[in-house]
Amino acid sequence: MKEFVLIFRMDELPEVKLSPEELTSTMEVWENWMDKIIADNTLVNRGNRLGSEAKTVKKRNVVINGPYTETREIVGGYIIIRAKDIDEAVEIVKDCPAIIDGRLSAEIRNIYTGDN
């Protein structure tokens, strides 16, 4: 089995605030999907949702404030899963409720081990 990082992206920051009931319902659906990949022994690392505080250090130690929400996509978080290959990882991601309802997209990247 190989490991893949799923980098979740939003096309834009949501403008609509969810009610407590909507937030609970949304989180329940997400957690059901996470519970499934945990039970399948697919999840390697729960990862984290990323916050809004960020800086980027570039060459010559130039520091830039970020993230830039005016850019096309915003990275929202990541998890690490295991799958036999990238095609299986894609199939796992297709079941993610935030992908199904169109709120997020996911970039799938293999984790380099030296032999891949």
PDB file of N, CA and C in Angstrom:
ATOM      1  N   MET A   1       0.836  -1.185   0.000  1.00  0.00           N
ATOM      2  CA  MET A   1       0.000   0.000   0.000  1.00  0.00           C
ATOM      3  C   MET A   1       0.879   1.246   0.000  1.00  0.00           C
ATOM      4  N   LYS A   2       0.394   2.269  -0.660  1.00  0.00           N
ATOM      5  CA  LYS A   2       1.090   3.549  -0.723  1.00  0.00           C
ATOM      6  C   LYS A   2       0.306   4.576   0.083  1.00  0.00           C
ATOM      7  N   GLU A   3       0.958   5.663   0.419  1.00  0.00           N
ATOM      8  CA  GLU A   3       0.288   6.744   1.128  1.00  0.00           C
ATOM      9  C   GLU A   3       0.112   7.939   0.209  1.00  0.00           C
ATOM     10  N   PHE A   4      -1.043   8.594   0.368  1.00  0.00           N
ATOM     11  CA  PHE A   4      -1.390   9.748  -0.450  1.00  0.00           C
ATOM     12  C   PHE A   4      -1.913  10.847   0.458  1.00  0.00           C
ATOM     13  N   VAL A   5      -1.529  12.081   0.165  1.00  0.00           N
ATOM     14  CA  VAL A   5      -2.084  13.215   0.889  1.00  0.00           C
ATOM     15  C   VAL A   5      -3.232  13.758   0.038  1.00  0.00           C
ATOM     16  N   LEU A   6      -4.355  14.024   0.696  1.00  0.00           N
ATOM     17  CA  LEU A   6      -5.497  14.641   0.049  1.00  0.00           C
ATOM     18  C   LEU A   6      -5.521  16.087   0.508  1.00  0.00           C
ATOM     19  N   ILE A   7      -5.305  17.001  -0.410  1.00  0.00           N
ATOM     20  CA  ILE A   7      -5.278  18.426  -0.100  1.00  0.00           C
ATOM     21  C   ILE A   7      -6.624  19.003  -0.528  1.00  0.00           C
ATOM     22  N   PHE A   8      -7.420  19.408   0.450  1.00  0.00           N
ATOM     23  CA  PHE A   8      -8.764  19.898   0.163  1.00  0.00           C
ATOM     24  C   PHE A   8      -8.719  21.388  -0.135  1.00  0.00           C
ATOM     25  N   ARG A   9      -9.381  21.761  -1.235  1.00  0.00           N
ATOM     26  CA  ARG A   9      -9.387  23.150  -1.689  1.00  0.00           C
ATOM     27  C   ARG A   9     -10.817  23.647  -1.856  1.00  0.00           C
ATOM     28  N   MET A  10     -10.977  24.946  -1.660  1.00  0.00           N
ATOM     29  CA  MET A  10     -12.244  25.623  -1.938  1.00  0.00           C
ATOM     30  C   MET A  10     -11.986  26.604  -3.075  1.00  0.00           C
ATOM     31  N   ASP A  11     -12.967  26.765  -3.958  1.00  0.00           N
ATOM     32  CA  ASP A  11     -12.820  27.758  -5.020  1.00  0.00           C
ATOM     33  C   ASP A  11     -12.864  29.170  -4.461  1.00  0.00           C
ATOM     34  N   GLU A  12     -13.587  29.343  -3.376  1.00  0.00           N
ATOM     35  CA  GLU A  12     -13.671  30.645  -2.720  1.00  0.00           C
ATOM     36  C   GLU A  12     -14.118  30.429  -1.289  1.00  0.00           C
ATOM     37  N   LEU A  13     -13.877  31.416  -0.464  1.00  0.00           N
ATOM     38  CA  LEU A  13     -14.345  31.325   0.916  1.00  0.00           C
ATOM     39  C   LEU A  13     -15.866  31.417   0.917  1.00  0.00           C
ATOM     40  N   PRO A  14     -16.523  30.575   1.703  1.00  0.00           N
ATOM     41  CA  PRO A  14     -17.982  30.637   1.739  1.00  0.00           C
ATOM     42  C   PRO A  14     -18.459  31.958   2.313  1.00  0.00           C
ATOM     43  N   GLU A  15     -19.439  32.551   1.656  1.00  0.00           N
ATOM     44  CA  GLU A  15     -19.983  33.826   2.127  1.00  0.00           C
ATOM     45  C   GLU A  15     -21.126  33.616   3.106  1.00  0.00           C
ATOM     46  N   VAL A  16     -21.780  32.480   3.011  1.00  0.00           N
ATOM     47  CA  VAL A  16     -22.939  32.204   3.846  1.00  0.00           C
ATOM     48  C   VAL A  16     -22.495  31.493   5.118  1.00  0.00           C
ATOM     49  N   LYS A  17     -22.917  32.017   6.233  1.00  0.00           N
ATOM     50  CA  LYS A  17     -22.643  31.364   7.520  1.00  0.00           C
ATOM     51  C   LYS A  17     -23.727  30.316   7.746  1.00  0.00           C
ATOM     52  N   LEU A  18     -23.303  29.149   8.192  1.00  0.00           N
ATOM     53  CA  LEU A  18     -24.255  28.080   8.461  1.00  0.00           C
ATOM     54  C   LEU A  18     -24.874  28.262   9.842  1.00  0.00           C
ATOM     55  N   SER A  19     -26.136  27.891   9.947  1.00  0.00           N
ATOM     56  CA  SER A  19     -26.784  27.888  11.256  1.00  0.00           C
ATOM     57  C   SER A  19     -26.156  26.761  12.076  1.00  0.00           C
ATOM     58  N   PRO A  20     -26.312  26.783  13.395  1.00  0.00           N
ATOM     59  CA  PRO A  20     -25.765  25.681  14.203  1.00  0.00           C
ATOM     60  C   PRO A  20     -26.286  24.315  13.751  1.00  0.00           C
ATOM     61  N   GLU A  21     -27.560  24.242  13.366  1.00  0.00           N
ATOM     62  CA  GLU A  21     -28.140  22.975  12.912  1.00  0.00           C
ATOM     63  C   GLU A  21     -27.503  22.523  11.599  1.00  0.00           C
ATOM     64  N   GLU A  22     -27.317  23.466  10.660  1.00  0.00           N
ATOM     65  CA  GLU A  22     -26.694  23.135   9.373  1.00  0.00           C
ATOM     66  C   GLU A  22     -25.244  22.707   9.568  1.00  0.00           C
ATOM     67  N   LEU A  23     -24.540  23.390  10.448  1.00  0.00           N
ATOM     68  CA  LEU A  23     -23.154  23.040  10.730  1.00  0.00           C
ATOM     69  C   LEU A  23     -23.072  21.639  11.327  1.00  0.00           C
ATOM     70  N   THR A  24     -23.951  21.323  12.263  1.00  0.00           N
ATOM     71  CA  THR A  24     -23.978  19.995  12.874  1.00  0.00           C
ATOM     72  C   THR A  24     -24.251  18.928  11.828  1.00  0.00           C
ATOM     73  N   SER A  25     -25.217  19.184  10.958  1.00  0.00           N
ATOM     74  CA  SER A  25     -25.565  18.226   9.905  1.00  0.00           C
ATOM     75  C   SER A  25     -24.397  18.020   8.943  1.00  0.00           C
ATOM     76  N   THR A  26     -23.757  19.094   8.542  1.00  0.00           N
ATOM     77  CA  THR A  26     -22.614  19.023   7.634  1.00  0.00           C
ATOM     78  C   THR A  26     -21.471  18.243   8.266  1.00  0.00           C
ATOM     79  N   MET A  27     -21.172  18.537   9.518  1.00  0.00           N
ATOM     80  CA  MET A  27     -20.084  17.850  10.206  1.00  0.00           C
ATOM     81  C   MET A  27     -20.401  16.372  10.407  1.00  0.00           C
ATOM     82  N   GLU A  28     -21.663  16.042  10.641  1.00  0.00           N
ATOM     83  CA  GLU A  28     -22.056  14.649  10.827  1.00  0.00           C
ATOM     84  C   GLU A  28     -21.803  13.844   9.550  1.00  0.00           C
ATOM     85  N   VAL A  29     -22.149  14.415   8.407  1.00  0.00           N
ATOM     86  CA  VAL A  29     -21.923  13.731   7.132  1.00  0.00           C
ATOM     87  C   VAL A  29     -20.424  13.540   6.897  1.00  0.00           C
ATOM     88  N   TRP A  30     -19.646  14.579   7.154  1.00  0.00           N
ATOM     89  CA  TRP A  30     -18.184  14.500   7.002  1.00  0.00           C
ATOM     90  C   TRP A  30     -17.609  13.429   7.938  1.00  0.00           C
ATOM     91  N   GLU A  31     -18.037  13.450   9.191  1.00  0.00           N
ATOM     92  CA  GLU A  31     -17.509  12.488  10.164  1.00  0.00           C
ATOM     93  C   GLU A  31     -17.915  11.058   9.831  1.00  0.00           C
ATOM     94  N   ASN A  32     -19.089  10.866   9.242  1.00  0.00           N
ATOM     95  CA  ASN A  32     -19.484   9.522   8.787  1.00  0.00           C
ATOM     96  C   ASN A  32     -18.525   9.009   7.720  1.00  0.00           C
ATOM     97  N   TRP A  33     -18.134   9.890   6.798  1.00  0.00           N
ATOM     98  CA  TRP A  33     -17.172   9.506   5.757  1.00  0.00           C
ATOM     99  C   TRP A  33     -15.816   9.185   6.395  1.00  0.00           C
ATOM    100  N   MET A  34     -15.388  10.020   7.324  1.00  0.00           N
ATOM    101  CA  MET A  34     -14.119   9.772   8.014  1.00  0.00           C
ATOM    102  C   MET A  34     -14.178   8.455   8.790  1.00  0.00           C
ATOM    103  N   ASP A  35     -15.296   8.194   9.477  1.00  0.00           N
ATOM    104  CA  ASP A  35     -15.445   6.935  10.213  1.00  0.00           C
ATOM    105  C   ASP A  35     -15.320   5.734   9.280  1.00  0.00           C
ATOM    106  N   LYS A  36     -15.854   5.861   8.062  1.00  0.00           N
ATOM    107  CA  LYS A  36     -15.783   4.768   7.095  1.00  0.00           C
ATOM    108  C   LYS A  36     -14.338   4.502   6.687  1.00  0.00           C
ATOM    109  N   ILE A  37     -13.577   5.558   6.390  1.00  0.00           N
ATOM    110  CA  ILE A  37     -12.197   5.307   5.962  1.00  0.00           C
ATOM    111  C   ILE A  37     -11.316   4.872   7.139  1.00  0.00           C
ATOM    112  N   ILE A  38     -11.705   5.234   8.360  1.00  0.00           N
ATOM    113  CA  ILE A  38     -11.006   4.714   9.541  1.00  0.00           C
ATOM    114  C   ILE A  38     -11.294   3.226   9.676  1.00  0.00           C
ATOM    115  N   ALA A  39     -12.561   2.848   9.570  1.00  0.00           N
ATOM    116  CA  ALA A  39     -12.960   1.434   9.698  1.00  0.00           C
ATOM    117  C   ALA A  39     -12.331   0.572   8.607  1.00  0.00           C
ATOM    118  N   ASP A  40     -12.152   1.151   7.412  1.00  0.00           N
ATOM    119  CA  ASP A  40     -11.530   0.418   6.299  1.00  0.00           C
ATOM    120  C   ASP A  40     -10.011   0.363   6.419  1.00  0.00           C
ATOM    121  N   ASN A  41      -9.450   0.965   7.475  1.00  0.00           N
ATOM    122  CA  ASN A  41      -8.006   1.055   7.679  1.00  0.00           C
ATOM    123  C   ASN A  41      -7.327   1.811   6.529  1.00  0.00           C
ATOM    124  N   THR A  42      -8.033   2.805   6.007  1.00  0.00           N
ATOM    125  CA  THR A  42      -7.527   3.631   4.907  1.00  0.00           C
ATOM    126  C   THR A  42      -6.865   4.899   5.428  1.00  0.00           C
ATOM    127  N   LEU A  43      -7.378   5.444   6.518  1.00  0.00           N
ATOM    128  CA  LEU A  43      -6.856   6.698   7.048  1.00  0.00           C
ATOM    129  C   LEU A  43      -5.518   6.464   7.745  1.00  0.00           C
ATOM    130  N   VAL A  44      -4.516   7.245   7.367  1.00  0.00           N
ATOM    131  CA  VAL A  44      -3.196   7.183   7.996  1.00  0.00           C
ATOM    132  C   VAL A  44      -3.079   8.296   9.028  1.00  0.00           C
ATOM    133  N   ASN A  45      -3.513   9.509   8.651  1.00  0.00           N
ATOM    134  CA  ASN A  45      -3.381  10.671   9.511  1.00  0.00           C
ATOM    135  C   ASN A  45      -4.575  11.573   9.262  1.00  0.00           C
ATOM    136  N   ARG A  46      -5.245  11.944  10.334  1.00  0.00           N
ATOM    137  CA  ARG A  46      -6.427  12.794  10.219  1.00  0.00           C
ATOM    138  C   ARG A  46      -6.110  14.165   9.643  1.00  0.00           C
ATOM    139  N   GLY A  47      -4.856  14.554   9.640  1.00  0.00           N
ATOM    140  CA  GLY A  47      -4.514  15.869   9.126  1.00  0.00           C
ATOM    141  C   GLY A  47      -5.148  16.959   9.962  1.00  0.00           C
ATOM    142  N   ASN A  48      -5.317  18.096   9.354  1.00  0.00           N
ATOM    143  CA  ASN A  48      -5.871  19.240  10.057  1.00  0.00           C
ATOM    144  C   ASN A  48      -6.584  20.164   9.093  1.00  0.00           C
ATOM    145  N   ARG A  49      -7.550  20.876   9.634  1.00  0.00           N
ATOM    146  CA  ARG A  49      -8.134  21.984   8.896  1.00  0.00           C
ATOM    147  C   ARG A  49      -7.171  23.144   9.095  1.00  0.00           C
ATOM    148  N   LEU A  50      -6.909  23.883   8.052  1.00  0.00           N
ATOM    149  CA  LEU A  50      -5.946  24.969   8.144  1.00  0.00           C
ATOM    150  C   LEU A  50      -6.639  26.274   8.509  1.00  0.00           C
ATOM    151  N   GLY A  51      -5.984  27.068   9.326  1.00  0.00           N
ATOM    152  CA  GLY A  51      -6.517  28.360   9.746  1.00  0.00           C
ATOM    153  C   GLY A  51      -6.202  29.450   8.745  1.00  0.00           C
ATOM    154  N   SER A  52      -6.557  30.669   9.083  1.00  0.00           N
ATOM    155  CA  SER A  52      -6.379  31.781   8.157  1.00  0.00           C
ATOM    156  C   SER A  52      -5.082  32.554   8.382  1.00  0.00           C
ATOM    157  N   GLU A  53      -4.382  32.290   9.468  1.00  0.00           N
ATOM    158  CA  GLU A  53      -3.132  32.991   9.734  1.00  0.00           C
ATOM    159  C   GLU A  53      -1.998  32.285   9.004  1.00  0.00           C
ATOM    160  N   ALA A  54      -1.254  33.035   8.182  1.00  0.00           N
ATOM    161  CA  ALA A  54      -0.175  32.416   7.418  1.00  0.00           C
ATOM    162  C   ALA A  54       0.820  33.466   6.960  1.00  0.00           C
ATOM    163  N   LYS A  55       2.025  33.020   6.737  1.00  0.00           N
ATOM    164  CA  LYS A  55       3.073  33.827   6.118  1.00  0.00           C
ATOM    165  C   LYS A  55       3.851  32.899   5.201  1.00  0.00           C
ATOM    166  N   THR A  56       4.447  33.477   4.175  1.00  0.00           N
ATOM    167  CA  THR A  56       5.282  32.721   3.253  1.00  0.00           C
ATOM    168  C   THR A  56       6.676  33.318   3.286  1.00  0.00           C
ATOM    169  N   VAL A  57       7.691  32.479   3.454  1.00  0.00           N
ATOM    170  CA  VAL A  57       9.075  32.935   3.416  1.00  0.00           C
ATOM    171  C   VAL A  57       9.650  32.514   2.080  1.00  0.00           C
ATOM    172  N   LYS A  58      10.136  33.509   1.323  1.00  0.00           N
ATOM    173  CA  LYS A  58      10.707  33.257  -0.001  1.00  0.00           C
ATOM    174  C   LYS A  58      12.213  33.450   0.052  1.00  0.00           C
ATOM    175  N   LYS A  59      12.850  33.228  -1.089  1.00  0.00           N
ATOM    176  CA  LYS A  59      14.311  33.370  -1.099  1.00  0.00           C
ATOM    177  C   LYS A  59      14.709  34.771  -0.659  1.00  0.00           C
ATOM    178  N   ARG A  60      15.898  34.845  -0.140  1.00  0.00           N
ATOM    179  CA  ARG A  60      16.437  36.068   0.449  1.00  0.00           C
ATOM    180  C   ARG A  60      15.627  36.518   1.670  1.00  0.00           C
ATOM    181  N   ASN A  61      14.936  35.564   2.297  1.00  0.00           N
ATOM    182  CA  ASN A  61      14.178  35.802   3.519  1.00  0.00           C
ATOM    183  C   ASN A  61      13.104  36.886   3.385  1.00  0.00           C
ATOM    184  N   VAL A  62      12.517  36.998   2.195  1.00  0.00           N
ATOM    185  CA  VAL A  62      11.386  37.895   2.010  1.00  0.00           C
ATOM    186  C   VAL A  62      10.163  37.211   2.621  1.00  0.00           C
ATOM    187  N   VAL A  63       9.491  37.919   3.527  1.00  0.00           N
ATOM    188  CA  VAL A  63       8.317  37.367   4.198  1.00  0.00           C
ATOM    189  C   VAL A  63       7.076  38.073   3.659  1.00  0.00           C
ATOM    190  N   ILE A  64       6.110  37.256   3.243  1.00  0.00           N
ATOM    191  CA  ILE A  64       4.871  37.773   2.664  1.00  0.00           C
ATOM    192  C   ILE A  64       3.716  37.293   3.531  1.00  0.00           C
ATOM    193  N   ASN A  65       2.772  38.180   3.829  1.00  0.00           N
ATOM    194  CA  ASN A  65       1.572  37.777   4.561  1.00  0.00           C
ATOM    195  C   ASN A  65       0.686  36.944   3.657  1.00  0.00           C
ATOM    196  N   GLY A  66      -0.069  36.055   4.227  1.00  0.00           N
ATOM    197  CA  GLY A  66      -1.000  35.229   3.466  1.00  0.00           C
ATOM    198  C   GLY A  66      -1.879  34.491   4.436  1.00  0.00           C
ATOM    199  N   PRO A  67      -2.734  33.584   4.033  1.00  0.00           N
ATOM    200  CA  PRO A  67      -2.953  33.196   2.642  1.00  0.00           C
ATOM    201  C   PRO A  67      -3.738  34.260   1.897  1.00  0.00           C
ATOM    202  N   TYR A  68      -3.698  34.167   0.608  1.00  0.00           N
ATOM    203  CA  TYR A  68      -4.336  35.156  -0.239  1.00  0.00           C
ATOM    204  C   TYR A  68      -5.700  34.655  -0.662  1.00  0.00           C
ATOM    205  N   THR A  69      -6.728  35.130   0.004  1.00  0.00           N
ATOM    206  CA  THR A  69      -8.075  34.657  -0.294  1.00  0.00           C
ATOM    207  C   THR A  69      -8.593  35.171  -1.620  1.00  0.00           C
ATOM    208  N   GLU A  70      -7.893  36.113  -2.223  1.00  0.00           N
ATOM    209  CA  GLU A  70      -8.330  36.589  -3.523  1.00  0.00           C
ATOM    210  C   GLU A  70      -7.842  35.667  -4.655  1.00  0.00           C
ATOM    211  N   THR A  71      -6.987  34.717  -4.334  1.00  0.00           N
ATOM    212  CA  THR A  71      -6.565  33.762  -5.353  1.00  0.00           C
ATOM    213  C   THR A  71      -7.701  32.813  -5.656  1.00  0.00           C
ATOM    214  N   ARG A  72      -7.592  32.101  -6.738  1.00  0.00           N
ATOM    215  CA  ARG A  72      -8.681  31.250  -7.222  1.00  0.00           C
ATOM    216  C   ARG A  72      -9.046  30.154  -6.224  1.00  0.00           C
ATOM    217  N   GLU A  73      -8.076  29.516  -5.615  1.00  0.00           N
ATOM    218  CA  GLU A  73      -8.366  28.405  -4.716  1.00  0.00           C
ATOM    219  C   GLU A  73      -7.726  28.627  -3.357  1.00  0.00           C
ATOM    220  N   ILE A  74      -8.417  28.169  -2.330  1.00  0.00           N
ATOM    221  CA  ILE A  74      -7.926  28.271  -0.970  1.00  0.00           C
ATOM    222  C   ILE A  74      -7.748  26.862  -0.416  1.00  0.00           C
ATOM    223  N   VAL A  75      -6.560  26.572   0.110  1.00  0.00           N
ATOM    224  CA  VAL A  75      -6.336  25.267   0.734  1.00  0.00           C
ATOM    225  C   VAL A  75      -7.032  25.287   2.085  1.00  0.00           C
ATOM    226  N   GLY A  76      -7.920  24.309   2.302  1.00  0.00           N
ATOM    227  CA  GLY A  76      -8.697  24.280   3.533  1.00  0.00           C
ATOM    228  C   GLY A  76      -8.189  23.279   4.552  1.00  0.00           C
ATOM    229  N   GLY A  77      -7.489  22.239   4.087  1.00  0.00           N
ATOM    230  CA  GLY A  77      -6.999  21.229   5.008  1.00  0.00           C
ATOM    231  C   GLY A  77      -6.476  20.029   4.252  1.00  0.00           C
ATOM    232  N   TYR A  78      -6.091  19.006   4.993  1.00  0.00           N
ATOM    233  CA  TYR A  78      -5.528  17.813   4.369  1.00  0.00           C
ATOM    234  C   TYR A  78      -5.735  16.615   5.273  1.00  0.00           C
ATOM    235  N   ILE A  79      -5.684  15.430   4.682  1.00  0.00           N
ATOM    236  CA  ILE A  79      -5.585  14.174   5.424  1.00  0.00           C
ATOM    237  C   ILE A  79      -4.639  13.272   4.639  1.00  0.00           C
ATOM    238  N   ILE A  80      -4.166  12.225   5.260  1.00  0.00           N
ATOM    239  CA  ILE A  80      -3.308  11.247   4.590  1.00  0.00           C
ATOM    240  C   ILE A  80      -4.018   9.904   4.635  1.00  0.00           C
ATOM    241  N   ILE A  81      -4.103   9.266   3.465  1.00  0.00           N
ATOM    242  CA  ILE A  81      -4.750   7.959   3.367  1.00  0.00           C
ATOM    243  C   ILE A  81      -3.774   6.953   2.774  1.00  0.00           C
ATOM    244  N   ARG A  82      -4.154   5.671   2.849  1.00  0.00           N
ATOM    245  CA  ARG A  82      -3.378   4.638   2.172  1.00  0.00           C
ATOM    246  C   ARG A  82      -4.282   3.993   1.133  1.00  0.00           C
ATOM    247  N   ALA A  83      -3.676   3.653   0.001  1.00  0.00           N
ATOM    248  CA  ALA A  83      -4.380   2.989  -1.098  1.00  0.00           C
ATOM    249  C   ALA A  83      -3.348   2.227  -1.897  1.00  0.00           C
ATOM    250  N   LYS A  84      -3.802   1.247  -2.686  1.00  0.00           N
ATOM    251  CA  LYS A  84      -2.841   0.453  -3.465  1.00  0.00           C
ATOM    252  C   LYS A  84      -2.201   1.283  -4.574  1.00  0.00           C
ATOM    253  N   ASP A  85      -2.941   2.271  -5.098  1.00  0.00           N
ATOM    254  CA  ASP A  85      -2.396   3.152  -6.137  1.00  0.00           C
ATOM    255  C   ASP A  85      -3.232   4.426  -6.191  1.00  0.00           C
ATOM    256  N   ILE A  86      -2.836   5.349  -7.049  1.00  0.00           N
ATOM    257  CA  ILE A  86      -3.527   6.637  -7.101  1.00  0.00           C
ATOM    258  C   ILE A  86      -4.966   6.491  -7.595  1.00  0.00           C
ATOM    259  N   ASP A  87      -5.227   5.502  -8.441  1.00  0.00           N
ATOM    260  CA  ASP A  87      -6.595   5.297  -8.922  1.00  0.00           C
ATOM    261  C   ASP A  87      -7.525   4.891  -7.779  1.00  0.00           C
ATOM    262  N   GLU A  88      -7.038   4.039  -6.884  1.00  0.00           N
ATOM    263  CA  GLU A  88      -7.850   3.675  -5.724  1.00  0.00           C
ATOM    264  C   GLU A  88      -8.045   4.886  -4.818  1.00  0.00           C
ATOM    265  N   ALA A  89      -7.013   5.713  -4.671  1.00  0.00           N
ATOM    266  CA  ALA A  89      -7.140   6.932  -3.865  1.00  0.00           C
ATOM    267  C   ALA A  89      -8.216   7.849  -4.440  1.00  0.00           C
ATOM    268  N   VAL A  90      -8.261   7.961  -5.756  1.00  0.00           N
ATOM    269  CA  VAL A  90      -9.293   8.774  -6.419  1.00  0.00           C
ATOM    270  C   VAL A  90     -10.684   8.245  -6.070  1.00  0.00           C
ATOM    271  N   GLU A  91     -10.856   6.939  -6.110  1.00  0.00           N
ATOM    272  CA  GLU A  91     -12.168   6.351  -5.808  1.00  0.00           C
ATOM    273  C   GLU A  91     -12.571   6.622  -4.363  1.00  0.00           C
ATOM    274  N   ILE A  92     -11.613   6.602  -3.451  1.00  0.00           N
ATOM    275  CA  ILE A  92     -11.899   6.911  -2.048  1.00  0.00           C
ATOM    276  C   ILE A  92     -12.372   8.355  -1.915  1.00  0.00           C
ATOM    277  N   VAL A  93     -11.695   9.260  -2.602  1.00  0.00           N
ATOM    278  CA  VAL A  93     -12.035  10.682  -2.528  1.00  0.00           C
ATOM    279  C   VAL A  93     -13.407  10.962  -3.137  1.00  0.00           C
ATOM    280  N   LYS A  94     -13.774  10.228  -4.150  1.00  0.00           N
ATOM    281  CA  LYS A  94     -15.070  10.451  -4.805  1.00  0.00           C
ATOM    282  C   LYS A  94     -16.239  10.273  -3.843  1.00  0.00           C
ATOM    283  N   ASP A  95     -16.051   9.532  -2.751  1.00  0.00           N
ATOM    284  CA  ASP A  95     -17.106   9.331  -1.754  1.00  0.00           C
ATOM    285  C   ASP A  95     -17.160  10.438  -0.704  1.00  0.00           C
ATOM    286  N   CYS A  96     -16.204  11.349  -0.714  1.00  0.00           N
ATOM    287  CA  CYS A  96     -16.169  12.426   0.277  1.00  0.00           C
ATOM    288  C   CYS A  96     -17.382  13.341   0.079  1.00  0.00           C
ATOM    289  N   PRO A  97     -18.178  13.559   1.124  1.00  0.00           N
ATOM    290  CA  PRO A  97     -19.397  14.357   0.962  1.00  0.00           C
ATOM    291  C   PRO A  97     -19.139  15.790   0.491  1.00  0.00           C
ATOM    292  N   ALA A  98     -18.035  16.391   0.885  1.00  0.00           N
ATOM    293  CA  ALA A  98     -17.747  17.761   0.455  1.00  0.00           C
ATOM    294  C   ALA A  98     -17.352  17.816  -1.016  1.00  0.00           C
ATOM    295  N   ILE A  99     -16.883  16.705  -1.568  1.00  0.00           N
ATOM    296  CA  ILE A  99     -16.602  16.621  -3.006  1.00  0.00           C
ATOM    297  C   ILE A  99     -17.925  16.420  -3.746  1.00  0.00           C
ATOM    298  N   ILE A 100     -18.747  15.520  -3.217  1.00  0.00           N
ATOM    299  CA  ILE A 100     -20.030  15.223  -3.847  1.00  0.00           C
ATOM    300  C   ILE A 100     -20.895  16.474  -3.954  1.00  0.00           C
ATOM    301  N   ASP A 101     -20.964  17.264  -2.876  1.00  0.00           N
ATOM    302  CA  ASP A 101     -21.839  18.442  -2.926  1.00  0.00           C
ATOM    303  C   ASP A 101     -21.158  19.667  -3.542  1.00  0.00           C
ATOM    304  N   GLY A 102     -19.908  19.524  -3.943  1.00  0.00           N
ATOM    305  CA  GLY A 102     -19.230  20.584  -4.684  1.00  0.00           C
ATOM    306  C   GLY A 102     -18.600  21.677  -3.854  1.00  0.00           C
ATOM    307  N   ARG A 103     -18.591  21.538  -2.531  1.00  0.00           N
ATOM    308  CA  ARG A 103     -17.977  22.576  -1.700  1.00  0.00           C
ATOM    309  C   ARG A 103     -16.461  22.567  -1.792  1.00  0.00           C
ATOM    310  N   LEU A 104     -15.890  21.379  -2.014  1.00  0.00           N
ATOM    311  CA  LEU A 104     -14.436  21.237  -2.047  1.00  0.00           C
ATOM    312  C   LEU A 104     -14.009  20.473  -3.288  1.00  0.00           C
ATOM    313  N   SER A 105     -12.744  20.628  -3.607  1.00  0.00           N
ATOM    314  CA  SER A 105     -12.066  19.722  -4.536  1.00  0.00           C
ATOM    315  C   SER A 105     -10.882  19.158  -3.764  1.00  0.00           C
ATOM    316  N   ALA A 106     -10.300  18.087  -4.267  1.00  0.00           N
ATOM    317  CA  ALA A 106      -9.172  17.482  -3.566  1.00  0.00           C
ATOM    318  C   ALA A 106      -8.049  17.190  -4.547  1.00  0.00           C
ATOM    319  N   GLU A 107      -6.875  17.660  -4.223  1.00  0.00           N
ATOM    320  CA  GLU A 107      -5.665  17.282  -4.956  1.00  0.00           C
ATOM    321  C   GLU A 107      -5.119  16.044  -4.262  1.00  0.00           C
ATOM    322  N   ILE A 108      -4.785  15.027  -5.041  1.00  0.00           N
ATOM    323  CA  ILE A 108      -4.278  13.770  -4.497  1.00  0.00           C
ATOM    324  C   ILE A 108      -2.817  13.644  -4.905  1.00  0.00           C
ATOM    325  N   ARG A 109      -1.937  13.553  -3.922  1.00  0.00           N
ATOM    326  CA  ARG A 109      -0.502  13.465  -4.200  1.00  0.00           C
ATOM    327  C   ARG A 109       0.078  12.283  -3.460  1.00  0.00           C
ATOM    328  N   ASN A 110       0.890  11.499  -4.173  1.00  0.00           N
ATOM    329  CA  ASN A 110       1.585  10.408  -3.478  1.00  0.00           C
ATOM    330  C   ASN A 110       2.639  10.998  -2.546  1.00  0.00           C
ATOM    331  N   ILE A 111       2.903  10.296  -1.474  1.00  0.00           N
ATOM    332  CA  ILE A 111       3.940  10.702  -0.553  1.00  0.00           C
ATOM    333  C   ILE A 111       5.220   9.997  -0.976  1.00  0.00           C
ATOM    334  N   TYR A 112       6.218  10.776  -1.269  1.00  0.00           N
ATOM    335  CA  TYR A 112       7.482  10.258  -1.793  1.00  0.00           C
ATOM    336  C   TYR A 112       8.189   9.424  -0.742  1.00  0.00           C
ATOM    337  N   THR A 113       8.591   8.220  -1.154  1.00  0.00           N
ATOM    338  CA  THR A 113       9.298   7.323  -0.240  1.00  0.00           C
ATOM    339  C   THR A 113      10.687   6.959  -0.728  1.00  0.00           C
ATOM    340  N   GLY A 114      11.076   7.481  -1.885  1.00  0.00           N
ATOM    341  CA  GLY A 114      12.390   7.155  -2.444  1.00  0.00           C
ATOM    342  C   GLY A 114      12.324   6.069  -3.511  1.00  0.00           C
ATOM    343  N   ASP A 115      11.255   5.287  -3.495  1.00  0.00           N
ATOM    344  CA  ASP A 115      11.129   4.235  -4.510  1.00  0.00           C
ATOM    345  C   ASP A 115       9.913   4.473  -5.407  1.00  0.00           C
ATOM    346  N   ASN A 116       9.385   5.685  -5.374  1.00  0.00           N
ATOM    347  CA  ASN A 116       8.246   5.994  -6.251  1.00  0.00           C
ATOM    348  C   ASN A 116       8.391   7.336  -6.901  1.00  0.00           C
TER     349      ASN A 116
END
